[in-house]
Amino acid sequence: MFDLIEDPTEQKNLLFEPASAKQLETAAKFEELKAEIARLKKEYRDDDQYADPSTWPKTSVDGPFNTKKPIGMKSVSEAIALSEIDNQAP
């Protein structure tokens, strides 16, 4: 769980930082997010069929990534922009 305003490159997980993990605001937001995930799972009838990556279809869009090289730390918007460039047809 990241504060995208203070940490746009998502380097500090608030749940793993002792000071912020103890804050009621962080705990409340985490509970809110878990409730939203549960609501969406119910709405879309997600039965966790693909919760384990080892069961993902071989042609999954979530991999394999061994053909990709790390490009360093980027913000989410920078990564999306690079992804769009990488996925354009030659």
Protein backbone atom coordinates (compact mmCIF):
# COMPACT_ATOMS: atom_id res chain seq x y z
CA MET A 1 0.00 0.00 0.00
CA PHE A 2 1.66 3.20 -1.21
CA ASP A 3 1.13 6.93 -0.84
CA LEU A 4 1.39 7.89 -4.50
CA ILE A 5 1.61 11.61 -3.72
CA GLU A 6 4.55 11.30 -1.33
CA ASP A 7 6.01 8.18 -2.98
CA PRO A 8 5.11 8.15 -6.70
CA THR A 9 7.70 5.47 -7.49
CA GLU A 10 6.15 3.14 -4.89
CA GLN A 11 9.32 2.49 -2.92
CA LYS A 12 7.88 2.52 0.62
CA ASN A 13 5.05 0.14 1.43
CA LEU A 14 3.12 1.80 4.24
CA LEU A 15 2.19 -1.54 5.75
CA PHE A 16 5.86 -2.45 6.20
CA GLU A 17 6.95 0.88 7.68
CA PRO A 18 6.60 0.55 11.48
CA ALA A 19 5.58 4.18 12.04
CA SER A 20 2.86 4.29 9.38
CA ALA A 21 1.68 0.72 9.98
CA LYS A 22 0.66 1.73 13.50
CA GLN A 23 -1.37 4.74 12.34
CA LEU A 24 -5.13 4.33 12.51
CA GLU A 25 -5.50 6.09 9.16
CA THR A 26 -3.27 3.49 7.45
CA ALA A 27 -5.16 0.59 9.06
CA ALA A 28 -8.51 2.10 8.09
CA LYS A 29 -7.42 2.60 4.47
CA PHE A 30 -6.09 -0.97 4.33
CA GLU A 31 -9.42 -2.32 5.61
CA GLU A 32 -11.27 -0.16 3.07
CA LEU A 33 -9.12 -1.54 0.24
CA LYS A 34 -9.61 -5.14 1.39
CA ALA A 35 -13.38 -4.58 1.49
CA GLU A 36 -13.29 -3.15 -2.04
CA ILE A 37 -11.34 -6.16 -3.30
CA ALA A 38 -13.89 -8.49 -1.69
CA ARG A 39 -16.74 -6.51 -3.29
CA LEU A 40 -15.12 -6.65 -6.72
CA LYS A 41 -14.39 -10.38 -6.39
CA LYS A 42 -18.06 -10.96 -5.61
CA GLU A 43 -19.27 -8.66 -8.41
CA TYR A 44 -17.06 -10.35 -11.01
CA ARG A 45 -17.48 -13.85 -9.57
CA ASP A 46 -13.73 -14.21 -9.02
CA ASP A 47 -13.15 -17.62 -7.47
CA ASP A 48 -9.34 -17.22 -7.19
CA GLN A 49 -8.85 -19.64 -10.09
CA TYR A 50 -5.66 -17.83 -11.07
CA ALA A 51 -4.47 -16.75 -7.62
CA ASP A 52 -1.44 -19.04 -7.88
CA PRO A 53 0.91 -17.90 -10.69
CA SER A 54 1.97 -21.50 -11.32
CA THR A 55 -1.58 -22.20 -12.57
CA TRP A 56 -1.66 -19.29 -15.03
CA PRO A 57 -2.20 -20.19 -18.68
CA LYS A 58 1.08 -20.45 -20.61
CA THR A 59 -0.09 -17.68 -22.95
CA SER A 60 -0.95 -15.34 -20.07
CA VAL A 61 -0.42 -11.61 -20.56
CA ASP A 62 1.26 -11.67 -17.15
CA GLY A 63 4.43 -13.25 -18.44
CA PRO A 64 6.89 -14.59 -19.18
CA PHE A 65 9.03 -11.55 -18.57
CA ASN A 66 12.46 -13.11 -19.05
CA THR A 67 12.71 -11.30 -22.39
CA LYS A 68 12.46 -7.90 -20.65
CA LYS A 69 15.36 -6.02 -19.08
CA PRO A 70 14.98 -3.76 -16.01
CA ILE A 71 15.07 -0.06 -16.89
CA GLY A 72 15.52 1.31 -13.38
CA MET A 73 13.15 3.04 -11.02
CA LYS A 74 10.26 4.74 -12.80
CA SER A 75 7.01 6.27 -11.66
CA VAL A 76 3.79 4.54 -12.66
CA SER A 77 3.11 7.11 -15.39
CA GLU A 78 6.66 6.77 -16.75
CA ALA A 79 6.35 2.98 -16.81
CA ILE A 80 3.01 3.16 -18.63
CA ALA A 81 4.48 5.54 -21.22
CA LEU A 82 7.45 3.21 -21.78
CA SER A 83 5.12 0.23 -22.01
CA GLU A 84 3.05 1.96 -24.67
CA ILE A 85 6.18 2.71 -26.71
CA ASP A 86 7.40 -0.89 -26.30
CA ASN A 87 4.05 -2.30 -27.47
CA GLN A 88 3.73 -0.20 -30.64
CA ALA A 89 4.04 -2.06 -33.91
CA PRO A 90 7.30 -1.47 -35.84
